[in-house]
N, C-alpha and C. Protein backbone atom coordinates (compact mmCIF):
# COMPACT_ATOMS: atom_id res chain seq x y z
N MET A 1 28.61 -17.50 -1.64
CA MET A 1 27.76 -19.16 -1.06
C MET A 1 26.61 -18.74 -2.09
N GLN A 2 25.70 -20.14 -2.36
CA GLN A 2 24.45 -19.95 -2.65
C GLN A 2 23.33 -19.62 -1.57
N ASP A 3 22.23 -18.67 -2.23
CA ASP A 3 20.81 -18.68 -1.03
C ASP A 3 20.20 -19.90 -1.38
N HIS A 4 19.80 -20.84 -0.25
CA HIS A 4 18.79 -21.97 -0.05
C HIS A 4 17.21 -21.87 -0.05
N HIS A 5 16.17 -21.11 -0.51
CA HIS A 5 15.34 -21.08 -1.08
C HIS A 5 14.46 -22.38 -1.67
N HIS A 6 13.05 -21.98 -0.94
CA HIS A 6 11.85 -23.95 -1.65
C HIS A 6 10.85 -22.92 -2.50
N SER A 7 10.42 -23.08 -3.73
CA SER A 7 9.54 -23.31 -3.61
C SER A 7 9.18 -24.31 -4.06
N ALA A 8 7.78 -24.26 -5.21
CA ALA A 8 7.35 -25.25 -5.64
C ALA A 8 7.85 -26.11 -6.14
N SER A 9 9.26 -25.72 -7.32
CA SER A 9 9.64 -27.02 -8.09
C SER A 9 10.93 -26.98 -7.03
N HIS A 10 11.97 -28.45 -6.92
CA HIS A 10 13.11 -28.58 -6.54
C HIS A 10 13.48 -29.90 -7.76
N ASP A 11 13.48 -28.84 -9.11
CA ASP A 11 14.25 -29.92 -9.31
C ASP A 11 15.90 -29.84 -9.52
N HIS A 12 16.16 -28.94 -8.97
CA HIS A 12 17.69 -28.99 -7.92
C HIS A 12 18.63 -29.73 -7.79
N GLY A 13 19.55 -29.13 -7.34
CA GLY A 13 20.64 -29.96 -5.94
C GLY A 13 20.48 -28.80 -5.20
N HIS A 14 20.76 -29.13 -3.73
CA HIS A 14 21.19 -28.72 -2.27
C HIS A 14 22.42 -28.42 -2.90
N ALA A 15 23.02 -27.43 -1.73
CA ALA A 15 24.35 -27.08 -2.08
C ALA A 15 25.00 -27.14 -0.52
N HIS A 16 23.93 -27.99 0.00
CA HIS A 16 24.61 -28.23 1.33
C HIS A 16 24.91 -29.61 1.48
N GLY A 17 24.90 -30.84 0.81
CA GLY A 17 25.69 -31.65 0.70
C GLY A 17 24.43 -32.62 1.25
N TYR A 18 23.40 -32.30 1.85
CA TYR A 18 22.95 -33.68 2.21
C TYR A 18 21.77 -34.34 1.16
N SER A 19 21.45 -34.91 0.94
CA SER A 19 20.64 -35.66 -0.92
C SER A 19 19.56 -36.35 0.51
N HIS A 20 18.04 -35.44 0.21
CA HIS A 20 17.28 -35.99 1.01
C HIS A 20 15.27 -35.11 0.22
N ALA A 21 14.47 -35.93 0.43
CA ALA A 21 13.12 -35.68 -0.53
C ALA A 21 12.43 -34.50 0.04
N HIS A 22 11.93 -33.57 -0.97
CA HIS A 22 10.88 -32.86 -0.37
C HIS A 22 9.96 -33.20 -0.35
N GLY A 23 9.13 -33.65 0.72
CA GLY A 23 7.60 -34.37 0.55
C GLY A 23 6.58 -32.89 0.52
N HIS A 24 6.35 -32.39 -0.16
CA HIS A 24 4.91 -31.11 0.20
C HIS A 24 3.89 -32.17 -0.83
N ALA A 25 3.06 -33.08 -0.75
CA ALA A 25 2.33 -33.50 -1.38
C ALA A 25 1.65 -32.74 -0.05
N ALA A 26 -0.10 -32.80 -0.69
CA ALA A 26 -1.10 -32.37 0.20
C ALA A 26 -1.44 -33.51 1.06
N ALA A 27 -1.34 -35.00 0.42
CA ALA A 27 -0.99 -36.03 1.50
C ALA A 27 -0.61 -35.97 2.63
N ALA A 28 0.72 -35.89 2.46
CA ALA A 28 1.59 -35.56 3.77
C ALA A 28 1.45 -35.29 4.87
N GLN A 29 0.37 -34.05 4.59
CA GLN A 29 0.52 -33.13 5.80
C GLN A 29 -0.08 -33.89 6.86
N ILE A 30 0.25 -33.06 8.10
CA ILE A 30 0.30 -33.86 9.87
C ILE A 30 -0.80 -32.71 10.13
N LEU A 31 -2.07 -33.32 10.63
CA LEU A 31 -3.38 -32.34 11.48
C LEU A 31 -2.38 -32.78 12.79
N ALA A 32 -1.96 -31.11 13.26
CA ALA A 32 -1.83 -30.78 15.14
C ALA A 32 -3.24 -30.55 15.81
N ARG A 33 -3.04 -31.08 17.20
CA ARG A 33 -3.85 -29.99 17.23
C ARG A 33 -4.10 -29.47 18.30
N PRO A 34 -5.18 -28.29 18.16
CA PRO A 34 -4.40 -26.61 18.65
C PRO A 34 -4.17 -27.14 20.11
N ALA A 35 -3.27 -25.62 20.61
CA ALA A 35 -2.52 -25.96 21.63
C ALA A 35 -3.17 -25.46 22.66
N VAL A 36 -3.07 -25.83 24.13
CA VAL A 36 -4.83 -26.01 24.78
C VAL A 36 -3.95 -25.16 26.34
N PRO A 37 -3.95 -24.02 26.59
CA PRO A 37 -2.73 -23.58 27.88
C PRO A 37 -2.65 -24.30 28.76
N GLY A 38 -1.77 -24.88 29.86
CA GLY A 38 -2.15 -25.67 30.46
C GLY A 38 -2.36 -24.47 31.97
N PHE A 39 -2.46 -25.09 33.13
CA PHE A 39 -3.04 -25.14 34.69
C PHE A 39 -2.28 -22.80 34.91
N SER A 40 -2.22 -22.08 35.27
CA SER A 40 -1.77 -20.73 35.91
C SER A 40 -2.30 -19.58 37.01
N LEU A 41 -1.77 -19.95 37.95
CA LEU A 41 -2.49 -18.92 38.72
C LEU A 41 -2.20 -17.62 38.52
N LEU A 42 -2.02 -16.88 37.70
CA LEU A 42 -2.08 -15.96 37.18
C LEU A 42 -3.42 -16.03 36.41
N ARG A 43 -4.10 -17.42 35.36
CA ARG A 43 -5.23 -16.56 35.09
C ARG A 43 -6.32 -16.56 35.76
N LEU A 44 -6.25 -17.18 37.15
CA LEU A 44 -7.40 -17.23 38.47
C LEU A 44 -7.97 -15.68 38.63
N SER A 45 -9.19 -16.37 38.38
CA SER A 45 -9.75 -14.64 39.47
C SER A 45 -9.40 -13.83 40.75
N ALA A 46 -9.58 -12.96 40.92
CA ALA A 46 -9.01 -12.97 43.09
C ALA A 46 -9.55 -13.99 43.09
N GLY A 47 -10.42 -13.52 43.14
CA GLY A 47 -11.36 -14.38 44.33
C GLY A 47 -10.69 -16.38 44.71
N GLN A 48 -10.96 -16.74 42.75
CA GLN A 48 -10.14 -18.08 43.49
C GLN A 48 -8.63 -18.23 43.63
N ARG A 49 -8.18 -17.33 43.73
CA ARG A 49 -6.64 -17.29 44.65
C ARG A 49 -6.50 -17.67 45.68
N LEU A 50 -7.76 -16.49 46.84
CA LEU A 50 -7.56 -15.95 47.63
C LEU A 50 -8.57 -17.43 48.15
N ALA A 51 -9.16 -18.24 48.10
CA ALA A 51 -9.94 -19.85 48.16
C ALA A 51 -8.87 -20.63 47.35
N GLY A 52 -7.77 -20.31 47.37
CA GLY A 52 -6.86 -21.40 47.49
C GLY A 52 -5.90 -21.69 48.15
N ALA A 53 -5.64 -19.89 48.93
CA ALA A 53 -4.67 -19.63 49.35
C ALA A 53 -5.39 -20.13 51.10
N GLY A 54 -6.35 -19.28 51.69
CA GLY A 54 -6.81 -20.40 52.07
C GLY A 54 -7.03 -21.35 52.69
N LEU A 55 -7.17 -22.61 51.51
CA LEU A 55 -7.28 -23.97 51.60
C LEU A 55 -5.91 -24.37 52.08
N ILE A 56 -4.14 -23.48 51.95
CA ILE A 56 -4.06 -24.12 51.98
C ILE A 56 -2.91 -23.40 53.55
N VAL A 57 -3.58 -22.35 54.02
CA VAL A 57 -4.11 -22.06 55.54
C VAL A 57 -4.82 -23.13 56.32
N LEU A 58 -5.91 -23.20 56.11
CA LEU A 58 -6.60 -24.16 56.88
C LEU A 58 -5.90 -25.33 56.26
N ALA A 59 -5.02 -26.35 55.03
CA ALA A 59 -4.64 -27.40 55.64
C ALA A 59 -2.89 -27.07 56.23
N LEU A 60 -2.59 -25.92 56.73
CA LEU A 60 -1.46 -25.74 57.07
C LEU A 60 -1.97 -25.92 58.76
N TRP A 61 -3.30 -25.26 59.23
CA TRP A 61 -3.24 -25.17 60.75
C TRP A 61 -3.45 -26.90 61.06
N GLY A 62 -4.56 -27.31 59.90
CA GLY A 62 -4.93 -28.99 60.55
C GLY A 62 -3.86 -29.77 60.49
N ALA A 63 -3.48 -29.56 59.96
CA ALA A 63 -1.62 -29.94 60.12
C ALA A 63 -1.01 -30.15 61.72
N VAL A 64 -0.55 -28.52 62.03
CA VAL A 64 -0.22 -28.19 63.27
C VAL A 64 -1.24 -28.94 64.41
N PHE A 65 -2.26 -28.69 64.28
CA PHE A 65 -3.34 -28.96 64.96
C PHE A 65 -3.14 -30.37 65.41
N TRP A 66 -3.27 -30.89 64.16
CA TRP A 66 -2.99 -32.32 64.43
C TRP A 66 -1.39 -32.97 65.11
N ALA A 67 -0.94 -32.63 64.57
CA ALA A 67 1.05 -32.77 65.73
C ALA A 67 1.43 -32.21 67.12
N LEU A 68 -0.08 -31.29 66.95
CA LEU A 68 0.46 -31.11 69.00
C LEU A 68 -0.63 -32.27 69.77
N GLN A 69 -1.62 -32.99 68.83
CA GLN A 69 -2.51 -34.16 69.65
C GLN A 69 -0.62 -35.38 70.01
């Protein structure tokens, strides 16, 4: 079995049976945006988590009082 190594020169045949071109030209680079982490409750401070929990509790009690009227 042959090892498959990528190097600067690609003037060899590939043993894995696929015919494909290697585009290693600098013009073929795709620039990606840096990854931005999404929202996470774990990254919030303790005060922000307590404030969020308080808002949820207020909303639930508001729904209870509204349903009882």
